[in-house]
Amino acid sequence: MAEKMTFKINGLDRTVEIEPEMMLIDLLRDELNLTGTKRGCDNSTCGTCVVVLNGKAVKSCNTLASKAAGADVITVEGLASGMELHPIQKAIAESGAVQCGFCTPGIVMELYGLLETNPEAGETEMTNALNKHLCRCTGYEPIRDGALIAQKMMKEHAKAK
């Protein structure tokens, strides 16, 4: 039986009627038209569906939407400020880590979740986070390079504030 729930999505409160078994990805894509979160494998393998839930990167394909009720959810659409890309988005583009682009939103959100909570994450921590993602195009080196650039850009951005 459908139930009305309120979600904070990209800083905005949204009240939506959802079914008990609805997954977060379905809420985002089908109900809220936030299609930056990609549907890939639907079994928590590829990482294209990653969003940040209360500061932690999670796979939205295996997270019940009801678990996000009242929580703070950030999707890739919530990172840029107007036409100004978030430093992670800039870094991933600058490093050449965007080829077909299908995996990119999940990778960006994984890095956002990691670097927002741990700005000093080491290369091993970044690699472990990125190992949750499948990319068929880049060979991963540009993604790793982008992660290191993103970390540096975020530190510079934090100092400028």
C-alpha atoms as a PDB file:
ATOM      1  CA  MET A   1       0.000   0.000   0.000  1.00  0.00           C
ATOM      2  CA  ALA A   2       1.423   3.357  -1.076  1.00  0.00           C
ATOM      3  CA  GLU A   3       2.443   5.811   1.601  1.00  0.00           C
ATOM      4  CA  LYS A   4       3.348   9.515   1.457  1.00  0.00           C
ATOM      5  CA  MET A   5       6.890  10.234   2.607  1.00  0.00           C
ATOM      6  CA  THR A   6       9.040  13.337   2.643  1.00  0.00           C
ATOM      7  CA  PHE A   7      12.572  13.287   1.323  1.00  0.00           C
ATOM      8  CA  LYS A   8      15.272  15.948   1.237  1.00  0.00           C
ATOM      9  CA  ILE A   9      16.667  15.612  -2.278  1.00  0.00           C
ATOM     10  CA  ASN A  10      19.475  17.952  -3.334  1.00  0.00           C
ATOM     11  CA  GLY A  11      18.485  20.349  -0.549  1.00  0.00           C
ATOM     12  CA  LEU A  12      14.766  20.442  -1.383  1.00  0.00           C
ATOM     13  CA  ASP A  13      11.983  18.782   0.594  1.00  0.00           C
ATOM     14  CA  ARG A  14       9.877  16.560  -1.658  1.00  0.00           C
ATOM     15  CA  THR A  15       6.773  14.670  -0.558  1.00  0.00           C
ATOM     16  CA  VAL A  16       6.061  11.642  -2.719  1.00  0.00           C
ATOM     17  CA  GLU A  17       3.727   8.686  -2.523  1.00  0.00           C
ATOM     18  CA  ILE A  18       5.758   5.475  -2.679  1.00  0.00           C
ATOM     19  CA  GLU A  19       5.162   1.759  -2.529  1.00  0.00           C
ATOM     20  CA  PRO A  20       6.869  -0.125   0.359  1.00  0.00           C
ATOM     21  CA  GLU A  21       9.171  -2.095  -1.975  1.00  0.00           C
ATOM     22  CA  MET A  22      10.191   0.894  -4.142  1.00  0.00           C
ATOM     23  CA  MET A  23      13.939   1.284  -4.503  1.00  0.00           C
ATOM     24  CA  LEU A  24      15.602   4.667  -4.152  1.00  0.00           C
ATOM     25  CA  ILE A  25      16.716   4.624  -7.799  1.00  0.00           C
ATOM     26  CA  ASP A  26      13.081   4.273  -8.889  1.00  0.00           C
ATOM     27  CA  LEU A  27      12.039   7.196  -6.706  1.00  0.00           C
ATOM     28  CA  LEU A  28      14.805   9.378  -8.122  1.00  0.00           C
ATOM     29  CA  ARG A  29      14.458   8.440 -11.787  1.00  0.00           C
ATOM     30  CA  ASP A  30      10.780   7.614 -12.213  1.00  0.00           C
ATOM     31  CA  GLU A  31       9.048   9.830  -9.661  1.00  0.00           C
ATOM     32  CA  LEU A  32      11.393  12.834  -9.430  1.00  0.00           C
ATOM     33  CA  ASN A  33      12.877  12.720 -12.963  1.00  0.00           C
ATOM     34  CA  LEU A  34      16.459  12.893 -11.647  1.00  0.00           C
ATOM     35  CA  THR A  35      17.960  10.774 -14.394  1.00  0.00           C
ATOM     36  CA  GLY A  36      21.616  11.539 -13.673  1.00  0.00           C
ATOM     37  CA  THR A  37      21.533   8.515 -11.391  1.00  0.00           C
ATOM     38  CA  LYS A  38      21.963   5.658 -13.846  1.00  0.00           C
ATOM     39  CA  ARG A  39      20.342   2.249 -13.845  1.00  0.00           C
ATOM     40  CA  GLY A  40      23.001  -0.294 -14.708  1.00  0.00           C
ATOM     41  CA  CYS A  41      22.947  -3.796 -13.308  1.00  0.00           C
ATOM     42  CA  ASP A  42      20.139  -3.548 -10.713  1.00  0.00           C
ATOM     43  CA  ASN A  43      22.075  -5.937  -8.457  1.00  0.00           C
ATOM     44  CA  SER A  44      24.600  -3.652  -6.733  1.00  0.00           C
ATOM     45  CA  THR A  45      27.545  -4.618  -8.926  1.00  0.00           C
ATOM     46  CA  CYS A  46      28.313  -1.750 -11.289  1.00  0.00           C
ATOM     47  CA  GLY A  47      28.038   1.417  -9.166  1.00  0.00           C
ATOM     48  CA  THR A  48      26.273   3.578 -11.764  1.00  0.00           C
ATOM     49  CA  CYS A  49      23.436   4.230  -9.310  1.00  0.00           C
ATOM     50  CA  VAL A  50      25.491   5.679  -6.424  1.00  0.00           C
ATOM     51  CA  VAL A  51      24.041   8.648  -4.552  1.00  0.00           C
ATOM     52  CA  VAL A  52      25.025  10.167  -1.217  1.00  0.00           C
ATOM     53  CA  LEU A  53      22.640   9.402   1.631  1.00  0.00           C
ATOM     54  CA  ASN A  54      23.314  11.298   4.867  1.00  0.00           C
ATOM     55  CA  GLY A  55      26.916  11.840   3.810  1.00  0.00           C
ATOM     56  CA  LYS A  56      27.623   8.257   2.749  1.00  0.00           C
ATOM     57  CA  ALA A  57      27.853   6.898  -0.791  1.00  0.00           C
ATOM     58  CA  VAL A  58      25.206   4.194  -1.299  1.00  0.00           C
ATOM     59  CA  LYS A  59      23.936   2.177  -4.229  1.00  0.00           C
ATOM     60  CA  SER A  60      20.394   3.339  -4.853  1.00  0.00           C
ATOM     61  CA  CYS A  61      19.444   0.158  -6.743  1.00  0.00           C
ATOM     62  CA  ASN A  62      19.474  -1.837  -3.518  1.00  0.00           C
ATOM     63  CA  THR A  63      18.381   0.854  -1.062  1.00  0.00           C
ATOM     64  CA  LEU A  64      14.687   1.001  -0.252  1.00  0.00           C
ATOM     65  CA  ALA A  65      13.282   4.463  -0.856  1.00  0.00           C
ATOM     66  CA  SER A  66      11.585   4.299   2.546  1.00  0.00           C
ATOM     67  CA  LYS A  67      15.059   4.092   4.174  1.00  0.00           C
ATOM     68  CA  ALA A  68      15.767   7.542   2.710  1.00  0.00           C
ATOM     69  CA  ALA A  69      12.619   9.167   4.099  1.00  0.00           C
ATOM     70  CA  GLY A  70      13.646  12.198   6.122  1.00  0.00           C
ATOM     71  CA  ALA A  71      17.264  11.708   5.088  1.00  0.00           C
ATOM     72  CA  ASP A  72      19.499  14.002   3.075  1.00  0.00           C
ATOM     73  CA  VAL A  73      19.954  12.581  -0.438  1.00  0.00           C
ATOM     74  CA  ILE A  74      22.348  14.143  -2.920  1.00  0.00           C
ATOM     75  CA  THR A  75      22.398  13.114  -6.563  1.00  0.00           C
ATOM     76  CA  VAL A  76      24.789  14.215  -9.281  1.00  0.00           C
ATOM     77  CA  GLU A  77      22.262  16.924 -10.215  1.00  0.00           C
ATOM     78  CA  GLY A  78      22.751  18.436  -6.761  1.00  0.00           C
ATOM     79  CA  LEU A  79      26.492  19.068  -7.032  1.00  0.00           C
ATOM     80  CA  ALA A  80      26.864  21.890  -9.543  1.00  0.00           C
ATOM     81  CA  SER A  81      26.054  25.431  -8.498  1.00  0.00           C
ATOM     82  CA  GLY A  82      24.143  26.834 -11.456  1.00  0.00           C
ATOM     83  CA  MET A  83      26.494  26.507 -14.429  1.00  0.00           C
ATOM     84  CA  GLU A  84      29.547  26.094 -12.171  1.00  0.00           C
ATOM     85  CA  LEU A  85      30.564  22.448 -11.924  1.00  0.00           C
ATOM     86  CA  HIS A  86      31.566  20.961  -8.590  1.00  0.00           C
ATOM     87  CA  PRO A  87      35.368  20.479  -8.264  1.00  0.00           C
ATOM     88  CA  ILE A  88      34.937  16.687  -8.571  1.00  0.00           C
ATOM     89  CA  GLN A  89      32.988  17.082 -11.800  1.00  0.00           C
ATOM     90  CA  LYS A  90      35.677  19.426 -13.149  1.00  0.00           C
ATOM     91  CA  ALA A  91      38.487  17.077 -12.139  1.00  0.00           C
ATOM     92  CA  ILE A  92      36.893  14.023 -13.732  1.00  0.00           C
ATOM     93  CA  ALA A  93      36.401  15.961 -16.980  1.00  0.00           C
ATOM     94  CA  GLU A  94      39.946  17.396 -16.913  1.00  0.00           C
ATOM     95  CA  SER A  95      41.534  13.984 -16.359  1.00  0.00           C
ATOM     96  CA  GLY A  96      39.806  12.476 -19.399  1.00  0.00           C
ATOM     97  CA  ALA A  97      37.831  10.067 -17.220  1.00  0.00           C
ATOM     98  CA  VAL A  98      34.646  10.812 -19.165  1.00  0.00           C
ATOM     99  CA  GLN A  99      34.365   8.675 -22.246  1.00  0.00           C
ATOM    100  CA  CYS A 100      30.952   7.131 -22.761  1.00  0.00           C
ATOM    101  CA  GLY A 101      29.958   8.793 -19.475  1.00  0.00           C
ATOM    102  CA  PHE A 102      27.548   6.123 -18.273  1.00  0.00           C
ATOM    103  CA  CYS A 103      29.534   5.269 -15.126  1.00  0.00           C
ATOM    104  CA  THR A 104      30.585   8.867 -14.451  1.00  0.00           C
ATOM    105  CA  PRO A 105      27.706  10.044 -12.203  1.00  0.00           C
ATOM    106  CA  GLY A 106      28.176   7.087  -9.848  1.00  0.00           C
ATOM    107  CA  ILE A 107      31.924   7.620  -9.706  1.00  0.00           C
ATOM    108  CA  VAL A 108      31.491  11.341  -9.062  1.00  0.00           C
ATOM    109  CA  MET A 109      29.081  10.623  -6.214  1.00  0.00           C
ATOM    110  CA  GLU A 110      31.360   7.939  -4.739  1.00  0.00           C
ATOM    111  CA  LEU A 111      34.232  10.451  -4.676  1.00  0.00           C
ATOM    112  CA  TYR A 112      31.963  13.141  -3.253  1.00  0.00           C
ATOM    113  CA  GLY A 113      30.874  10.856  -0.415  1.00  0.00           C
ATOM    114  CA  LEU A 114      34.476   9.902   0.320  1.00  0.00           C
ATOM    115  CA  LEU A 115      36.128  13.318   0.043  1.00  0.00           C
ATOM    116  CA  GLU A 116      33.402  15.204   1.908  1.00  0.00           C
ATOM    117  CA  THR A 117      33.814  12.902   4.907  1.00  0.00           C
ATOM    118  CA  ASN A 118      37.545  12.289   4.548  1.00  0.00           C
ATOM    119  CA  PRO A 119      39.338  15.079   2.628  1.00  0.00           C
ATOM    120  CA  GLU A 120      42.680  13.470   3.479  1.00  0.00           C
ATOM    121  CA  ALA A 121      41.781  10.066   2.018  1.00  0.00           C
ATOM    122  CA  GLY A 122      44.856   8.271   0.784  1.00  0.00           C
ATOM    123  CA  GLU A 123      45.298   6.723  -2.631  1.00  0.00           C
ATOM    124  CA  THR A 124      44.435   3.274  -1.220  1.00  0.00           C
ATOM    125  CA  GLU A 125      41.150   4.560   0.237  1.00  0.00           C
ATOM    126  CA  MET A 126      40.270   6.193  -3.071  1.00  0.00           C
ATOM    127  CA  THR A 127      41.135   3.025  -4.974  1.00  0.00           C
ATOM    128  CA  ASN A 128      39.005   0.930  -2.615  1.00  0.00           C
ATOM    129  CA  ALA A 129      36.055   3.302  -3.100  1.00  0.00           C
ATOM    130  CA  LEU A 130      36.461   3.318  -6.877  1.00  0.00           C
ATOM    131  CA  ASN A 131      36.773  -0.480  -7.006  1.00  0.00           C
ATOM    132  CA  LYS A 132      33.001  -0.560  -6.443  1.00  0.00           C
ATOM    133  CA  HIS A 133      32.519   0.793  -9.979  1.00  0.00           C
ATOM    134  CA  LEU A 134      32.674  -0.810 -13.379  1.00  0.00           C
ATOM    135  CA  CYS A 135      33.928   1.238 -16.311  1.00  0.00           C
ATOM    136  CA  ARG A 136      34.227  -0.264 -19.754  1.00  0.00           C
ATOM    137  CA  CYS A 137      35.954   2.675 -21.459  1.00  0.00           C
ATOM    138  CA  THR A 138      38.725   4.335 -19.477  1.00  0.00           C
ATOM    139  CA  GLY A 139      40.983   1.589 -18.175  1.00  0.00           C
ATOM    140  CA  TYR A 140      40.551   3.279 -14.757  1.00  0.00           C
ATOM    141  CA  GLU A 141      43.794   5.279 -14.869  1.00  0.00           C
ATOM    142  CA  PRO A 142      42.090   8.556 -15.832  1.00  0.00           C
ATOM    143  CA  ILE A 143      39.501   7.944 -13.105  1.00  0.00           C
ATOM    144  CA  ARG A 144      42.243   7.497 -10.504  1.00  0.00           C
ATOM    145  CA  ASP A 145      43.996  10.616 -11.822  1.00  0.00           C
ATOM    146  CA  GLY A 146      40.691  12.507 -11.653  1.00  0.00           C
ATOM    147  CA  ALA A 147      40.205  11.416  -8.056  1.00  0.00           C
ATOM    148  CA  LEU A 148      43.598  12.820  -7.072  1.00  0.00           C
ATOM    149  CA  ILE A 149      42.926  16.067  -8.964  1.00  0.00           C
ATOM    150  CA  ALA A 150      39.494  16.299  -7.316  1.00  0.00           C
ATOM    151  CA  GLN A 151      41.011  15.910  -3.875  1.00  0.00           C
ATOM    152  CA  LYS A 152      43.479  18.712  -4.562  1.00  0.00           C
ATOM    153  CA  MET A 153      40.757  20.965  -6.027  1.00  0.00           C
ATOM    154  CA  MET A 154      38.456  20.367  -3.056  1.00  0.00           C
ATOM    155  CA  LYS A 155      41.236  21.270  -0.616  1.00  0.00           C
ATOM    156  CA  GLU A 156      41.904  24.489  -2.563  1.00  0.00           C
ATOM    157  CA  HIS A 157      38.171  25.222  -2.696  1.00  0.00           C
ATOM    158  CA  ALA A 158      37.876  24.701   1.089  1.00  0.00           C
ATOM    159  CA  LYS A 159      40.812  27.070   1.734  1.00  0.00           C
ATOM    160  CA  ALA A 160      39.217  29.741  -0.470  1.00  0.00           C
ATOM    161  CA  LYS A 161      36.019  29.747   1.604  1.00  0.00           C
END
